[in-house]
Amino acid sequence: MAAFDRTRTTWTYTTDNGDTFSFNALTGYTAQASVLGGDAWESGHLKPAPKGFRPRKALLWLGSDHTKRRRVVCFEPDATAYTTLTTAVSVDVGGTATAYAVYQSEGERHKFEGGQAPTPA
């Protein structure tokens, strides 16, 4: 099996509303742009996601052992891993790229109501 690239790459994340943020992602995931979406950040300024923002994710499990699960960020609303069940995604298992299958997706959300952290009293 191939090694999973753990270096980080600045990647783009597009929200359901069409806003684009910079996102620091593992290269092992950005190499799967055809399934997870997104593009390499090239130049200019992109804001990071707001505090409390939780990106959309695909929930995965190992085909032969459903007790082994992972979550991966899907960088675009129409990413194949987000919209299509059973899509194969390679994940890091001890430094080795291992194929897991999508069994569910989870939408983006804000940890704090209104997308902002509460003001301390």
Protein backbone atom coordinates (compact mmCIF):
# COMPACT_ATOMS: atom_id res chain seq x y z
CA MET A 1 0.00 0.00 0.00
CA ALA A 2 1.07 3.57 -0.66
CA ALA A 3 2.15 6.01 2.03
CA PHE A 4 -0.32 8.74 3.02
CA ASP A 5 1.14 12.25 2.56
CA ARG A 6 0.80 14.09 5.88
CA THR A 7 2.26 17.41 4.72
CA ARG A 8 -0.11 20.38 4.77
CA THR A 9 -1.38 22.37 1.78
CA THR A 10 -3.40 25.58 1.69
CA TRP A 11 -6.65 24.58 0.03
CA THR A 12 -9.95 26.29 -0.72
CA TYR A 13 -13.23 25.46 0.99
CA THR A 14 -16.52 26.64 -0.56
CA THR A 15 -19.48 26.97 1.81
CA ASP A 16 -23.06 26.08 0.99
CA ASN A 17 -23.65 29.85 0.59
CA GLY A 18 -20.84 30.16 -1.97
CA ASP A 19 -18.29 31.89 0.31
CA THR A 20 -14.71 30.69 -0.11
CA PHE A 21 -12.24 30.30 2.75
CA SER A 22 -8.65 29.16 3.00
CA PHE A 23 -8.24 25.79 4.65
CA ASN A 24 -5.10 24.04 5.84
CA ALA A 25 -5.48 20.41 4.70
CA LEU A 26 -3.37 17.27 4.57
CA THR A 27 -1.92 16.73 1.10
CA GLY A 28 -3.12 13.12 1.20
CA TYR A 29 -6.69 14.51 1.10
CA THR A 30 -6.08 17.37 -1.34
CA ALA A 31 -4.64 14.82 -3.79
CA GLN A 32 -8.20 13.40 -3.91
CA ALA A 33 -9.79 16.62 -5.22
CA SER A 34 -11.85 14.60 -7.72
CA VAL A 35 -13.75 13.09 -4.77
CA LEU A 36 -13.38 15.67 -1.98
CA GLY A 37 -13.48 18.86 -4.08
CA GLY A 38 -11.59 22.10 -3.59
CA ASP A 39 -8.68 23.75 -5.34
CA ALA A 40 -5.17 24.76 -4.42
CA TRP A 41 -4.92 28.30 -3.10
CA GLU A 42 -2.86 30.19 -5.65
CA SER A 43 -2.56 33.85 -4.71
CA GLY A 44 -4.45 36.72 -3.16
CA HIS A 45 -6.11 36.80 0.21
CA LEU A 46 -8.70 34.33 1.38
CA LYS A 47 -10.15 34.64 4.85
CA PRO A 48 -10.03 31.65 7.16
CA ALA A 49 -13.37 30.19 8.20
CA PRO A 50 -15.14 32.11 11.00
CA LYS A 51 -14.67 31.01 14.59
CA GLY A 52 -17.00 28.17 15.49
CA PHE A 53 -17.52 27.09 11.86
CA ARG A 54 -17.66 23.32 11.34
CA PRO A 55 -17.13 22.16 7.73
CA ARG A 56 -19.22 19.53 5.95
CA LYS A 57 -17.83 16.01 6.23
CA ALA A 58 -18.14 12.54 4.81
CA LEU A 59 -18.35 9.77 7.39
CA LEU A 60 -16.39 6.69 6.36
CA TRP A 61 -15.86 3.14 7.47
CA LEU A 62 -13.56 0.31 6.50
CA GLY A 63 -15.53 -2.01 4.21
CA SER A 64 -14.59 -5.21 6.04
CA ASP A 65 -14.80 -3.76 9.57
CA HIS A 66 -17.49 -1.16 10.28
CA THR A 67 -16.07 -0.48 13.75
CA LYS A 68 -13.17 1.39 12.07
CA ARG A 69 -14.49 4.83 11.16
CA ARG A 70 -13.11 8.18 9.99
CA ARG A 71 -14.42 11.65 9.05
CA VAL A 72 -13.02 13.73 6.21
CA VAL A 73 -13.80 17.28 5.11
CA CYS A 74 -15.54 17.70 1.76
CA PHE A 75 -14.30 21.00 0.35
CA GLU A 76 -17.24 21.69 -2.01
CA PRO A 77 -21.01 21.20 -1.62
CA ASP A 78 -21.11 18.95 -4.71
CA ALA A 79 -18.07 16.82 -3.81
CA THR A 80 -18.65 13.20 -4.79
CA ALA A 81 -17.77 11.93 -1.30
CA TYR A 82 -20.45 14.24 0.14
CA THR A 83 -23.21 13.44 -2.35
CA THR A 84 -22.64 9.75 -3.18
CA LEU A 85 -22.69 6.89 -0.67
CA THR A 86 -20.06 4.13 -0.96
CA THR A 87 -17.54 6.46 -2.64
CA ALA A 88 -13.99 5.28 -1.84
CA VAL A 89 -11.70 7.73 -0.02
CA SER A 90 -8.12 7.02 1.05
CA VAL A 91 -7.43 7.87 4.69
CA ASP A 92 -4.34 7.78 6.89
CA VAL A 93 -4.01 4.58 8.90
CA GLY A 94 -0.61 4.53 10.56
CA GLY A 95 1.00 6.42 7.68
CA THR A 96 -0.51 4.13 5.03
CA ALA A 97 -3.25 5.18 2.61
CA THR A 98 -6.20 2.87 3.23
CA ALA A 99 -9.48 2.86 1.26
CA TYR A 100 -12.59 3.54 3.33
CA ALA A 101 -16.16 3.89 2.00
CA VAL A 102 -18.62 6.73 2.63
CA TYR A 103 -21.66 5.64 4.64
CA GLN A 104 -23.13 9.05 5.57
CA SER A 105 -22.54 12.79 5.17
CA GLU A 106 -22.73 15.58 7.73
CA GLY A 107 -23.60 19.17 6.78
CA GLU A 108 -21.67 22.26 7.75
CA ARG A 109 -22.74 24.13 10.85
CA HIS A 110 -21.72 26.74 13.37
CA LYS A 111 -20.71 25.76 16.87
CA PHE A 112 -22.19 29.01 18.19
CA GLU A 113 -25.62 30.37 17.30
CA GLY A 114 -25.32 33.08 14.67
CA GLY A 115 -21.84 31.80 13.77
CA GLN A 116 -20.11 33.89 16.44
CA ALA A 117 -18.72 33.02 19.83
CA PRO A 118 -20.73 34.41 22.74
CA THR A 119 -19.40 37.62 24.31
CA PRO A 120 -17.98 36.98 27.81
CA ALA A 121 -20.06 38.57 30.57
